[in-house]
Amino acid sequence: MSQSFTFRFDDREVDCRTGWTIGAALTAAGVRSWRSTRRGHRPRGLFCGIGVCFDCLVTVNGQPSVRACLAEAAPGDDVRSQEGTGRDDLDR
């Protein structure tokens, strides 16, 4: 039986199970979009689910541009929605 834990996503706690990716946990919690494009600010979330498309980028523990579909969630992670690349110097 897998263990459960929580991590923070923006301003809320998200339930998760050991071995789940951040993208899986967010989707299971009903979150469908956690990034916006730098041009047009269009919402993005899981698309390919295998790390090819970069639509699911989030900031994890201060590190921008982590693919939520590949990153295994860990107890206490601080996951943030991301706008564009997550770097102000590139998003202008």
C-alpha atoms as a PDB file:
ATOM      1  CA  MET A   1       0.000   0.000   0.000  1.00  0.00           C
ATOM      2  CA  SER A   2       1.422   3.395  -0.936  1.00  0.00           C
ATOM      3  CA  GLN A   3       1.980   6.121   1.612  1.00  0.00           C
ATOM      4  CA  SER A   4       0.151   9.425   1.391  1.00  0.00           C
ATOM      5  CA  PHE A   5       1.514  12.879   2.074  1.00  0.00           C
ATOM      6  CA  THR A   6       0.873  16.470   1.080  1.00  0.00           C
ATOM      7  CA  PHE A   7       2.777  19.192  -0.700  1.00  0.00           C
ATOM      8  CA  ARG A   8       1.981  22.864  -1.216  1.00  0.00           C
ATOM      9  CA  PHE A   9       0.710  24.134  -4.516  1.00  0.00           C
ATOM     10  CA  ASP A  10       0.393  27.925  -4.567  1.00  0.00           C
ATOM     11  CA  ASP A  11      -1.877  28.582  -1.575  1.00  0.00           C
ATOM     12  CA  ARG A  12      -3.242  25.098  -0.898  1.00  0.00           C
ATOM     13  CA  GLU A  13      -2.252  21.630   0.273  1.00  0.00           C
ATOM     14  CA  VAL A  14      -2.418  18.845  -2.312  1.00  0.00           C
ATOM     15  CA  ASP A  15      -2.825  15.196  -1.350  1.00  0.00           C
ATOM     16  CA  CYS A  16      -0.374  12.845  -3.002  1.00  0.00           C
ATOM     17  CA  ARG A  17       0.812   9.231  -2.887  1.00  0.00           C
ATOM     18  CA  THR A  18       4.363   7.955  -2.954  1.00  0.00           C
ATOM     19  CA  GLY A  19       5.540   7.511  -6.537  1.00  0.00           C
ATOM     20  CA  TRP A  20       3.134  10.017  -8.073  1.00  0.00           C
ATOM     21  CA  THR A  21       4.422  12.841 -10.203  1.00  0.00           C
ATOM     22  CA  ILE A  22       3.501  16.417  -9.393  1.00  0.00           C
ATOM     23  CA  GLY A  23       1.362  16.462 -12.536  1.00  0.00           C
ATOM     24  CA  ALA A  24      -0.523  13.323 -11.468  1.00  0.00           C
ATOM     25  CA  ALA A  25      -1.215  14.753  -8.015  1.00  0.00           C
ATOM     26  CA  LEU A  26      -2.393  18.108  -9.390  1.00  0.00           C
ATOM     27  CA  THR A  27      -4.646  16.393 -11.910  1.00  0.00           C
ATOM     28  CA  ALA A  28      -6.081  14.107  -9.214  1.00  0.00           C
ATOM     29  CA  ALA A  29      -6.777  17.222  -7.116  1.00  0.00           C
ATOM     30  CA  GLY A  30      -8.776  18.717  -9.990  1.00  0.00           C
ATOM     31  CA  VAL A  31      -6.130  21.251 -11.057  1.00  0.00           C
ATOM     32  CA  ARG A  32      -6.026  21.344 -14.849  1.00  0.00           C
ATOM     33  CA  SER A  33      -3.793  24.363 -15.510  1.00  0.00           C
ATOM     34  CA  TRP A  34      -0.712  25.574 -13.649  1.00  0.00           C
ATOM     35  CA  ARG A  35       1.283  27.486 -16.222  1.00  0.00           C
ATOM     36  CA  SER A  36       0.513  30.322 -18.597  1.00  0.00           C
ATOM     37  CA  THR A  37       2.357  31.049 -21.813  1.00  0.00           C
ATOM     38  CA  ARG A  38       4.613  34.086 -21.914  1.00  0.00           C
ATOM     39  CA  ARG A  39       2.844  35.393 -25.003  1.00  0.00           C
ATOM     40  CA  GLY A  40      -0.913  35.543 -24.684  1.00  0.00           C
ATOM     41  CA  HIS A  41      -0.943  34.130 -21.122  1.00  0.00           C
ATOM     42  CA  ARG A  42      -2.817  31.022 -22.268  1.00  0.00           C
ATOM     43  CA  PRO A  43      -3.343  28.309 -19.632  1.00  0.00           C
ATOM     44  CA  ARG A  44      -1.322  25.107 -19.810  1.00  0.00           C
ATOM     45  CA  GLY A  45      -1.153  21.849 -17.847  1.00  0.00           C
ATOM     46  CA  LEU A  46      -0.562  18.211 -18.783  1.00  0.00           C
ATOM     47  CA  PHE A  47      -0.516  17.605 -22.510  1.00  0.00           C
ATOM     48  CA  CYS A  48       1.833  14.832 -23.595  1.00  0.00           C
ATOM     49  CA  GLY A  49       2.472  13.368 -20.132  1.00  0.00           C
ATOM     50  CA  ILE A  50       5.921  12.050 -21.116  1.00  0.00           C
ATOM     51  CA  GLY A  51       8.175  15.121 -20.908  1.00  0.00           C
ATOM     52  CA  VAL A  52       8.279  16.072 -24.570  1.00  0.00           C
ATOM     53  CA  CYS A  53       6.134  19.215 -24.827  1.00  0.00           C
ATOM     54  CA  PHE A  54       7.052  21.483 -21.862  1.00  0.00           C
ATOM     55  CA  ASP A  55       3.403  22.547 -21.317  1.00  0.00           C
ATOM     56  CA  CYS A  56       3.370  21.334 -17.702  1.00  0.00           C
ATOM     57  CA  LEU A  57       6.222  23.460 -16.316  1.00  0.00           C
ATOM     58  CA  VAL A  58       6.070  24.441 -12.644  1.00  0.00           C
ATOM     59  CA  THR A  59       8.457  25.979 -10.133  1.00  0.00           C
ATOM     60  CA  VAL A  60       9.462  23.444  -7.458  1.00  0.00           C
ATOM     61  CA  ASN A  61      11.250  24.578  -4.302  1.00  0.00           C
ATOM     62  CA  GLY A  62      12.387  27.730  -6.126  1.00  0.00           C
ATOM     63  CA  GLN A  63      13.626  25.942  -9.255  1.00  0.00           C
ATOM     64  CA  PRO A  64      11.716  27.100 -12.361  1.00  0.00           C
ATOM     65  CA  SER A  65      10.822  25.048 -15.422  1.00  0.00           C
ATOM     66  CA  VAL A  66      10.412  21.634 -13.804  1.00  0.00           C
ATOM     67  CA  ARG A  67       8.263  19.283 -15.895  1.00  0.00           C
ATOM     68  CA  ALA A  68       5.370  18.290 -13.629  1.00  0.00           C
ATOM     69  CA  CYS A  69       4.751  15.138 -15.669  1.00  0.00           C
ATOM     70  CA  LEU A  70       8.239  13.809 -14.865  1.00  0.00           C
ATOM     71  CA  ALA A  71       9.038  15.190 -11.394  1.00  0.00           C
ATOM     72  CA  GLU A  72       8.158  12.857  -8.567  1.00  0.00           C
ATOM     73  CA  ALA A  73       6.409  14.725  -5.770  1.00  0.00           C
ATOM     74  CA  ALA A  74       7.997  14.712  -2.330  1.00  0.00           C
ATOM     75  CA  PRO A  75       6.538  15.507   1.075  1.00  0.00           C
ATOM     76  CA  GLY A  76       6.763  19.220   1.815  1.00  0.00           C
ATOM     77  CA  ASP A  77       7.533  20.308  -1.757  1.00  0.00           C
ATOM     78  CA  ASP A  78       6.661  23.935  -2.498  1.00  0.00           C
ATOM     79  CA  VAL A  79       5.177  23.885  -6.009  1.00  0.00           C
ATOM     80  CA  ARG A  80       4.194  27.123  -7.712  1.00  0.00           C
ATOM     81  CA  SER A  81       2.297  28.000 -10.855  1.00  0.00           C
ATOM     82  CA  GLN A  82       4.597  29.372 -13.497  1.00  0.00           C
ATOM     83  CA  GLU A  83       4.219  32.138 -16.034  1.00  0.00           C
ATOM     84  CA  GLY A  84       6.201  31.626 -19.211  1.00  0.00           C
ATOM     85  CA  THR A  85       9.668  30.276 -18.550  1.00  0.00           C
ATOM     86  CA  GLY A  86       9.630  31.161 -14.854  1.00  0.00           C
ATOM     87  CA  ARG A  87      12.531  33.559 -15.400  1.00  0.00           C
ATOM     88  CA  ASP A  88      11.761  37.261 -15.586  1.00  0.00           C
ATOM     89  CA  ASP A  89      14.827  37.969 -17.729  1.00  0.00           C
ATOM     90  CA  LEU A  90      13.543  35.631 -20.474  1.00  0.00           C
ATOM     91  CA  ASP A  91       9.850  36.525 -20.314  1.00  0.00           C
ATOM     92  CA  ARG A  92      10.100  40.149 -21.377  1.00  0.00           C
END
